[in-house]
Amino acid sequence: MSTVSVRIDESLVSAARAAAKAEFRTVQGQVEFWAKVGRAALDNPDLPASFIAESLMSMAEPREDSTPFVPRSAARA
C-alpha cells in the first residue's frame, strides 16, 4: 500500500490522536477509519454514523474471533 502526505488541521490531528489512543489505533489508522465512516455515511444517508462505524469495525475483526448470531427465541428453547 502506498502512502500520500496530506496537510490536516492540527485540531483534527489532536482529536484523532485522542480517539486513536482510546480505540487502540495509530493516528493514521484513526483518520483512515473516520474517512471510511464518512464515505459510507454519504453513500448511506439513512443509516446512523454509529451503526456504520460499528459495522466497519465488525467487518475488520478476524473471523475466528467472531461469535455466531443466536436469536433470543432460539436461546430460550
N, C-alpha and C. Protein backbone atom coordinates (compact mmCIF):
# COMPACT_ATOMS: atom_id res chain seq x y z
N MET A 1 0.84 -1.16 0.00
CA MET A 1 0.00 0.00 0.00
C MET A 1 0.89 1.23 0.00
N SER A 2 0.61 2.16 -0.87
CA SER A 2 1.40 3.38 -0.93
C SER A 2 0.83 4.42 0.02
N THR A 3 1.65 5.39 0.35
CA THR A 3 1.21 6.45 1.24
C THR A 3 1.31 7.79 0.52
N VAL A 4 0.51 8.72 0.97
CA VAL A 4 0.49 10.07 0.43
C VAL A 4 0.47 11.03 1.60
N SER A 5 1.26 12.07 1.53
CA SER A 5 1.25 13.09 2.58
C SER A 5 0.15 14.11 2.29
N VAL A 6 -0.59 14.46 3.33
CA VAL A 6 -1.63 15.49 3.21
C VAL A 6 -1.51 16.44 4.39
N ARG A 7 -1.96 17.65 4.18
CA ARG A 7 -1.99 18.62 5.27
C ARG A 7 -3.34 18.53 5.96
N ILE A 8 -3.30 18.39 7.28
CA ILE A 8 -4.53 18.29 8.07
C ILE A 8 -4.41 19.29 9.22
N ASP A 9 -5.50 19.95 9.50
CA ASP A 9 -5.54 20.93 10.58
C ASP A 9 -5.09 20.27 11.89
N GLU A 10 -4.30 21.01 12.66
CA GLU A 10 -3.74 20.46 13.90
C GLU A 10 -4.83 20.04 14.89
N SER A 11 -5.96 20.73 14.91
CA SER A 11 -7.03 20.35 15.85
C SER A 11 -7.63 18.99 15.47
N LEU A 12 -7.70 18.70 14.17
CA LEU A 12 -8.18 17.39 13.74
C LEU A 12 -7.17 16.30 14.10
N VAL A 13 -5.89 16.59 13.95
CA VAL A 13 -4.85 15.63 14.32
C VAL A 13 -4.89 15.36 15.82
N SER A 14 -5.10 16.41 16.62
CA SER A 14 -5.19 16.24 18.08
C SER A 14 -6.40 15.38 18.45
N ALA A 15 -7.53 15.63 17.80
CA ALA A 15 -8.72 14.81 18.07
C ALA A 15 -8.48 13.36 17.64
N ALA A 16 -7.82 13.18 16.51
CA ALA A 16 -7.52 11.83 16.03
C ALA A 16 -6.55 11.13 16.97
N ARG A 17 -5.60 11.87 17.51
CA ARG A 17 -4.63 11.29 18.45
C ARG A 17 -5.35 10.78 19.70
N ALA A 18 -6.28 11.57 20.22
CA ALA A 18 -7.03 11.16 21.42
C ALA A 18 -7.92 9.96 21.12
N ALA A 19 -8.63 10.01 19.99
CA ALA A 19 -9.51 8.90 19.63
C ALA A 19 -8.72 7.64 19.31
N ALA A 20 -7.57 7.81 18.68
CA ALA A 20 -6.73 6.66 18.33
C ALA A 20 -6.25 5.94 19.58
N LYS A 21 -5.89 6.71 20.59
CA LYS A 21 -5.44 6.11 21.84
C LYS A 21 -6.56 5.29 22.49
N ALA A 22 -7.76 5.83 22.48
CA ALA A 22 -8.91 5.14 23.07
C ALA A 22 -9.31 3.91 22.27
N GLU A 23 -9.11 3.95 20.96
CA GLU A 23 -9.52 2.84 20.09
C GLU A 23 -8.37 1.90 19.74
N PHE A 24 -7.19 2.13 20.32
CA PHE A 24 -6.01 1.29 20.07
C PHE A 24 -5.64 1.26 18.59
N ARG A 25 -5.65 2.46 17.98
CA ARG A 25 -5.24 2.61 16.59
C ARG A 25 -4.10 3.60 16.53
N THR A 26 -3.44 3.65 15.38
CA THR A 26 -2.49 4.72 15.13
C THR A 26 -3.29 5.96 14.74
N VAL A 27 -2.64 7.12 14.78
CA VAL A 27 -3.31 8.35 14.36
C VAL A 27 -3.70 8.21 12.88
N GLN A 28 -2.80 7.69 12.07
CA GLN A 28 -3.10 7.47 10.66
C GLN A 28 -4.29 6.52 10.51
N GLY A 29 -4.31 5.45 11.28
CA GLY A 29 -5.41 4.50 11.22
C GLY A 29 -6.73 5.13 11.64
N GLN A 30 -6.68 6.03 12.62
CA GLN A 30 -7.90 6.70 13.07
C GLN A 30 -8.45 7.62 11.99
N VAL A 31 -7.58 8.39 11.35
CA VAL A 31 -8.03 9.29 10.28
C VAL A 31 -8.58 8.47 9.11
N GLU A 32 -7.93 7.35 8.79
CA GLU A 32 -8.44 6.47 7.73
C GLU A 32 -9.81 5.90 8.10
N PHE A 33 -9.98 5.51 9.35
CA PHE A 33 -11.26 4.97 9.80
C PHE A 33 -12.35 6.03 9.69
N TRP A 34 -12.06 7.26 10.14
CA TRP A 34 -13.03 8.33 10.03
C TRP A 34 -13.40 8.58 8.56
N ALA A 35 -12.41 8.51 7.69
CA ALA A 35 -12.67 8.72 6.26
C ALA A 35 -13.59 7.62 5.73
N LYS A 36 -13.37 6.38 6.14
CA LYS A 36 -14.22 5.28 5.68
C LYS A 36 -15.64 5.44 6.20
N VAL A 37 -15.77 5.83 7.47
CA VAL A 37 -17.09 6.05 8.05
C VAL A 37 -17.80 7.19 7.32
N GLY A 38 -17.09 8.26 7.07
CA GLY A 38 -17.67 9.40 6.36
C GLY A 38 -18.12 9.05 4.96
N ARG A 39 -17.28 8.31 4.24
CA ARG A 39 -17.65 7.91 2.88
C ARG A 39 -18.88 7.01 2.90
N ALA A 40 -18.90 6.05 3.83
CA ALA A 40 -20.05 5.14 3.94
C ALA A 40 -21.31 5.90 4.36
N ALA A 41 -21.16 6.91 5.23
CA ALA A 41 -22.31 7.70 5.67
C ALA A 41 -22.88 8.50 4.51
N LEU A 42 -22.02 9.03 3.66
CA LEU A 42 -22.51 9.76 2.49
C LEU A 42 -23.21 8.83 1.50
N ASP A 43 -22.70 7.61 1.38
CA ASP A 43 -23.31 6.62 0.49
C ASP A 43 -24.60 6.05 1.05
N ASN A 44 -24.78 6.11 2.37
CA ASN A 44 -25.95 5.53 3.05
C ASN A 44 -26.54 6.54 4.04
N PRO A 45 -27.14 7.61 3.54
CA PRO A 45 -27.61 8.68 4.44
C PRO A 45 -28.71 8.25 5.41
N ASP A 46 -29.36 7.12 5.16
CA ASP A 46 -30.42 6.67 6.06
C ASP A 46 -29.89 5.95 7.30
N LEU A 47 -28.61 5.58 7.30
CA LEU A 47 -28.03 4.84 8.42
C LEU A 47 -27.33 5.79 9.39
N PRO A 48 -27.47 5.56 10.69
CA PRO A 48 -26.74 6.37 11.68
C PRO A 48 -25.23 6.11 11.56
N ALA A 49 -24.44 7.14 11.79
CA ALA A 49 -22.99 7.02 11.70
C ALA A 49 -22.47 5.97 12.70
N SER A 50 -23.09 5.87 13.87
CA SER A 50 -22.64 4.89 14.86
C SER A 50 -22.83 3.46 14.34
N PHE A 51 -23.93 3.21 13.63
CA PHE A 51 -24.17 1.89 13.05
C PHE A 51 -23.12 1.59 11.99
N ILE A 52 -22.80 2.57 11.17
CA ILE A 52 -21.79 2.40 10.12
C ILE A 52 -20.44 2.10 10.75
N ALA A 53 -20.06 2.87 11.77
CA ALA A 53 -18.78 2.66 12.43
C ALA A 53 -18.69 1.27 13.04
N GLU A 54 -19.73 0.85 13.74
CA GLU A 54 -19.74 -0.48 14.36
C GLU A 54 -19.69 -1.58 13.30
N SER A 55 -20.39 -1.37 12.20
CA SER A 55 -20.37 -2.35 11.11
C SER A 55 -18.97 -2.48 10.51
N LEU A 56 -18.31 -1.35 10.28
CA LEU A 56 -16.95 -1.38 9.73
C LEU A 56 -15.98 -2.06 10.69
N MET A 57 -16.14 -1.79 11.99
CA MET A 57 -15.26 -2.43 12.98
C MET A 57 -15.50 -3.93 13.01
N SER A 58 -16.75 -4.36 12.94
CA SER A 58 -17.03 -5.79 12.99
C SER A 58 -16.53 -6.50 11.74
N MET A 59 -16.59 -5.81 10.60
CA MET A 59 -16.09 -6.41 9.36
C MET A 59 -14.57 -6.56 9.38
N ALA A 60 -13.90 -5.75 10.20
CA ALA A 60 -12.44 -5.83 10.28
C ALA A 60 -11.96 -6.90 11.26
N GLU A 61 -12.85 -7.42 12.09
CA GLU A 61 -12.47 -8.45 13.06
C GLU A 61 -12.13 -9.75 12.34
N PRO A 62 -11.13 -10.46 12.85
CA PRO A 62 -10.84 -11.78 12.26
C PRO A 62 -12.02 -12.72 12.46
N ARG A 63 -12.29 -13.55 11.47
CA ARG A 63 -13.43 -14.46 11.53
C ARG A 63 -13.36 -15.40 12.74
N GLU A 64 -12.17 -15.83 13.09
CA GLU A 64 -12.05 -16.78 14.20
C GLU A 64 -12.38 -16.14 15.55
N ASP A 65 -12.37 -14.80 15.63
CA ASP A 65 -12.73 -14.10 16.87
C ASP A 65 -14.22 -13.80 16.96
N SER A 66 -14.96 -14.06 15.91
CA SER A 66 -16.38 -13.72 15.91
C SER A 66 -17.20 -14.82 16.57
N THR A 67 -18.37 -14.43 17.04
CA THR A 67 -19.30 -15.40 17.63
C THR A 67 -20.54 -15.45 16.75
N PRO A 68 -21.12 -16.62 16.59
CA PRO A 68 -22.30 -16.73 15.73
C PRO A 68 -23.49 -16.02 16.35
N PHE A 69 -24.34 -15.49 15.49
CA PHE A 69 -25.58 -14.85 15.94
C PHE A 69 -26.57 -15.91 16.36
N VAL A 70 -27.12 -15.75 17.55
CA VAL A 70 -28.14 -16.68 18.06
C VAL A 70 -29.34 -15.84 18.43
N PRO A 71 -30.48 -16.00 17.73
CA PRO A 71 -31.68 -15.24 18.06
C PRO A 71 -32.14 -15.55 19.50
N ARG A 72 -32.70 -14.57 20.17
CA ARG A 72 -33.15 -14.77 21.54
C ARG A 72 -34.16 -15.90 21.64
N SER A 73 -35.02 -16.03 20.67
CA SER A 73 -36.03 -17.09 20.70
C SER A 73 -35.38 -18.47 20.68
N ALA A 74 -34.26 -18.62 19.96
CA ALA A 74 -33.56 -19.90 19.90
C ALA A 74 -32.79 -20.16 21.19
N ALA A 75 -32.34 -19.11 21.85
CA ALA A 75 -31.58 -19.26 23.08
C ALA A 75 -32.45 -19.78 24.21
N ARG A 76 -33.74 -19.47 24.22
CA ARG A 76 -34.65 -19.91 25.28
C ARG A 76 -35.08 -21.36 25.11
N ALA A 77 -35.03 -21.85 23.91
CA ALA A 77 -35.54 -23.20 23.60
C ALA A 77 -34.64 -24.28 24.14
